[in-house]
Amino acid sequence: MIGKSLLYLVGLVGVVGWTGAVNAATAVGPICDQGARVGSTTYYSCNGGSHNALDMSNGTCSEWNHRGMINVSKYYKYYGGCANTCGGSSCNGGAGNYYVVSGGSGWEFRQLHVNSNGSSGSKTCDRCPLGLVGSTGQSTGAHVHADNRQYGTRKTAWYTSVGTTCGSSAYCGNRVGTPTL
């Protein structure tokens, strides 16, 4: 009887799929400078082509910490290997040095274009320094790019649902979104 029940459970998982739990998180700005602002949201430069992510900057490069944005302890997987730059490159498919926090059902939260330093590397932390605000990858200037994806498709509800728009504060004490993980 136990064998039949186990086979039924395995078959059910195979049909339904094992997706894992999905949770909402709180994301805060990645730069601890009161002058940090959101420069792009759903559209590049807030009026150009489709972007579906937040780009945040304070107008400097390699001077300020690029911090983890999720407001609870999470595992940040690091994808590095790109030379630090303030002018862009084509490393890691355009993402440059970046971090991914993975969740259930194909959800991910990503932070891109990090200039690496002694803080860089995979780690579990709560809003810790991940590197410096930079421009690695396909980037036109130093900034933090953040997006929330499900199975590779960028979603906008994580920041539009809390009213984050162009010009909003990207300070590390302010909420900029509620990504799904």
Protein backbone atom coordinates (compact mmCIF):
# COMPACT_ATOMS: atom_id res chain seq x y z
CA MET A 1 0.00 0.00 0.00
CA ILE A 2 2.84 2.42 0.82
CA GLY A 3 4.47 1.59 -2.51
CA LYS A 4 1.25 2.42 -4.44
CA SER A 5 0.81 5.70 -2.52
CA LEU A 6 4.41 6.69 -3.24
CA LEU A 7 4.01 5.89 -6.94
CA TYR A 8 0.79 7.94 -7.04
CA LEU A 9 2.56 10.91 -5.38
CA VAL A 10 5.54 10.69 -7.77
CA GLY A 11 3.12 10.53 -10.73
CA LEU A 12 1.14 13.51 -9.42
CA VAL A 13 4.30 15.58 -9.00
CA GLY A 14 5.30 14.62 -12.56
CA VAL A 15 1.92 15.73 -13.96
CA VAL A 16 1.41 18.87 -11.88
CA GLY A 17 5.09 19.83 -11.64
CA TRP A 18 7.11 20.76 -8.58
CA THR A 19 7.18 24.54 -8.61
CA GLY A 20 8.14 25.57 -5.09
CA ALA A 21 6.64 28.30 -2.95
CA VAL A 22 6.19 31.81 -4.35
CA ASN A 23 6.49 34.79 -2.01
CA ALA A 24 6.45 38.57 -2.29
CA ALA A 25 9.47 40.42 -0.94
CA THR A 26 10.19 44.08 -0.32
CA ALA A 27 12.91 45.74 -2.40
CA VAL A 28 14.62 48.94 -1.26
CA GLY A 29 16.87 51.27 -3.23
CA PRO A 30 20.40 49.96 -3.85
CA ILE A 31 22.38 53.17 -3.19
CA CYS A 32 22.77 54.78 0.25
CA ASP A 33 22.91 58.32 -1.14
CA GLN A 34 19.89 60.63 -0.76
CA GLY A 35 20.50 61.86 -4.34
CA ALA A 36 19.99 58.41 -5.93
CA ARG A 37 17.05 58.39 -8.37
CA VAL A 38 15.17 56.08 -10.74
CA GLY A 39 16.10 57.03 -14.31
CA SER A 40 14.30 54.32 -16.34
CA THR A 41 11.25 52.17 -15.62
CA THR A 42 8.90 50.51 -18.12
CA TYR A 43 10.54 52.52 -20.92
CA TYR A 44 14.21 53.49 -21.42
CA SER A 45 14.82 57.03 -20.15
CA CYS A 46 11.12 56.93 -19.18
CA ASN A 47 9.97 57.64 -22.77
CA GLY A 48 11.92 55.35 -25.12
CA GLY A 49 11.71 51.66 -26.05
CA SER A 50 10.40 48.90 -23.77
CA HIS A 51 12.60 48.23 -20.73
CA ASN A 52 10.41 46.70 -17.97
CA ALA A 53 12.99 47.18 -15.23
CA LEU A 54 14.34 49.89 -12.92
CA ASP A 55 17.61 51.71 -13.65
CA MET A 56 18.85 53.66 -10.62
CA SER A 57 21.84 55.97 -10.26
CA ASN A 58 23.31 58.82 -8.30
CA GLY A 59 25.53 60.09 -11.13
CA THR A 60 28.77 58.49 -9.90
CA CYS A 61 30.79 55.41 -10.89
CA SER A 62 32.75 53.09 -8.56
CA GLU A 63 32.25 55.42 -5.59
CA TRP A 64 29.11 54.06 -3.88
CA ASN A 65 28.23 50.56 -2.75
CA HIS A 66 25.77 48.65 -4.92
CA ARG A 67 23.67 46.99 -2.20
CA GLY A 68 21.39 43.97 -2.18
CA MET A 69 17.83 45.26 -2.55
CA ILE A 70 15.75 42.47 -0.96
CA ASN A 71 14.75 43.49 2.58
CA VAL A 72 15.29 40.07 4.18
CA SER A 73 18.17 37.62 4.17
CA LYS A 74 18.40 35.94 0.72
CA TYR A 75 21.03 34.06 -1.26
CA TYR A 76 22.59 36.28 -3.95
CA LYS A 77 24.29 34.16 -6.66
CA TYR A 78 27.10 36.11 -8.31
CA TYR A 79 27.97 35.97 -12.01
CA GLY A 80 31.22 37.87 -12.49
CA GLY A 81 34.32 37.89 -14.62
CA CYS A 82 33.82 41.28 -16.30
CA ALA A 83 36.40 44.05 -16.06
CA ASN A 84 35.20 47.07 -14.05
CA THR A 85 34.16 49.96 -16.25
CA CYS A 86 32.24 53.22 -16.21
CA GLY A 87 31.44 53.06 -19.92
CA GLY A 88 29.96 49.65 -20.76
CA SER A 89 31.20 46.45 -22.41
CA SER A 90 29.68 43.32 -23.92
CA CYS A 91 30.44 40.92 -21.07
CA ASN A 92 28.06 38.18 -19.82
CA GLY A 93 25.57 38.72 -22.64
CA GLY A 94 25.19 42.41 -21.78
CA ALA A 95 24.43 41.89 -18.07
CA GLY A 96 28.00 42.54 -16.94
CA ASN A 97 28.74 41.43 -13.38
CA TYR A 98 25.39 40.60 -11.81
CA TYR A 99 23.47 38.86 -9.03
CA VAL A 100 20.39 36.63 -9.08
CA VAL A 101 18.03 35.83 -6.18
CA SER A 102 15.93 32.80 -7.20
CA GLY A 103 12.43 31.96 -6.00
CA GLY A 104 9.71 29.41 -6.77
CA SER A 105 7.84 28.87 -10.06
CA GLY A 106 10.63 30.31 -12.23
CA TRP A 107 10.81 33.71 -10.47
CA GLU A 108 14.11 35.60 -10.24
CA PHE A 109 15.19 39.03 -9.05
CA ARG A 110 18.33 40.34 -10.78
CA GLN A 111 20.73 43.24 -10.15
CA LEU A 112 23.09 44.07 -13.04
CA HIS A 113 26.16 46.16 -14.03
CA VAL A 114 28.11 45.76 -10.75
CA ASN A 115 31.74 46.88 -10.60
CA SER A 116 33.35 44.18 -8.48
CA ASN A 117 35.34 44.79 -5.31
CA GLY A 118 36.19 42.87 -2.12
CA SER A 119 32.46 42.58 -1.32
CA SER A 120 31.64 40.77 -4.58
CA GLY A 121 30.82 37.06 -4.60
CA SER A 122 27.89 34.72 -3.92
CA LYS A 123 26.51 35.15 -0.40
CA THR A 124 23.46 35.08 1.85
CA CYS A 125 22.70 38.51 3.27
CA ASP A 126 20.16 41.24 3.97
CA ARG A 127 20.85 44.46 1.99
CA CYS A 128 24.62 43.88 2.09
CA PRO A 129 27.20 45.49 -0.22
CA LEU A 130 27.50 43.48 -3.46
CA GLY A 131 30.12 45.63 -5.20
CA LEU A 132 30.16 49.18 -6.55
CA VAL A 133 27.69 51.03 -8.77
CA GLY A 134 29.20 50.50 -12.22
CA SER A 135 28.59 50.05 -15.92
CA THR A 136 29.73 46.51 -16.75
CA GLY A 137 27.92 44.81 -19.63
CA GLN A 138 25.73 46.54 -22.19
CA SER A 139 25.28 49.78 -20.30
CA THR A 140 25.49 53.44 -21.26
CA GLY A 141 26.51 54.74 -17.85
CA ALA A 142 26.97 53.73 -14.23
CA HIS A 143 23.70 52.56 -12.67
CA VAL A 144 21.97 49.65 -10.94
CA HIS A 145 19.57 47.72 -13.19
CA ALA A 146 16.98 45.64 -11.29
CA ASP A 147 14.37 43.36 -12.80
CA ASN A 148 11.91 40.69 -11.67
CA ARG A 149 11.43 37.81 -14.13
CA GLN A 150 9.34 34.72 -14.40
CA TYR A 151 10.81 32.09 -16.72
CA GLY A 152 12.95 34.81 -18.32
CA THR A 153 10.15 37.34 -18.99
CA ARG A 154 10.50 40.71 -17.25
CA LYS A 155 7.46 41.78 -15.21
CA THR A 156 6.62 45.37 -14.18
CA ALA A 157 4.05 44.87 -11.41
CA TRP A 158 6.82 44.59 -8.79
CA TYR A 159 7.53 48.34 -9.02
CA THR A 160 4.38 49.79 -10.62
CA SER A 161 2.23 48.35 -7.79
CA VAL A 162 4.00 50.60 -5.24
CA GLY A 163 4.03 53.71 -7.42
CA THR A 164 7.74 53.80 -8.36
CA THR A 165 8.19 56.06 -11.39
CA CYS A 166 10.97 58.04 -13.07
CA GLY A 167 12.49 60.43 -10.58
CA SER A 168 11.48 58.33 -7.54
CA SER A 169 14.07 58.00 -4.80
CA ALA A 170 16.45 55.02 -5.10
CA TYR A 171 17.88 55.62 -1.61
CA CYS A 172 18.62 52.43 0.35
CA GLY A 173 16.00 53.31 2.99
CA ASN A 174 13.11 53.68 0.52
CA ARG A 175 10.90 50.91 -0.87
CA VAL A 176 11.04 50.74 -4.67
CA GLY A 177 9.05 47.54 -5.21
CA THR A 178 7.68 44.18 -4.10
CA PRO A 179 9.25 41.52 -6.32
CA THR A 180 7.88 38.00 -6.48
CA LEU A 181 10.30 35.25 -5.47
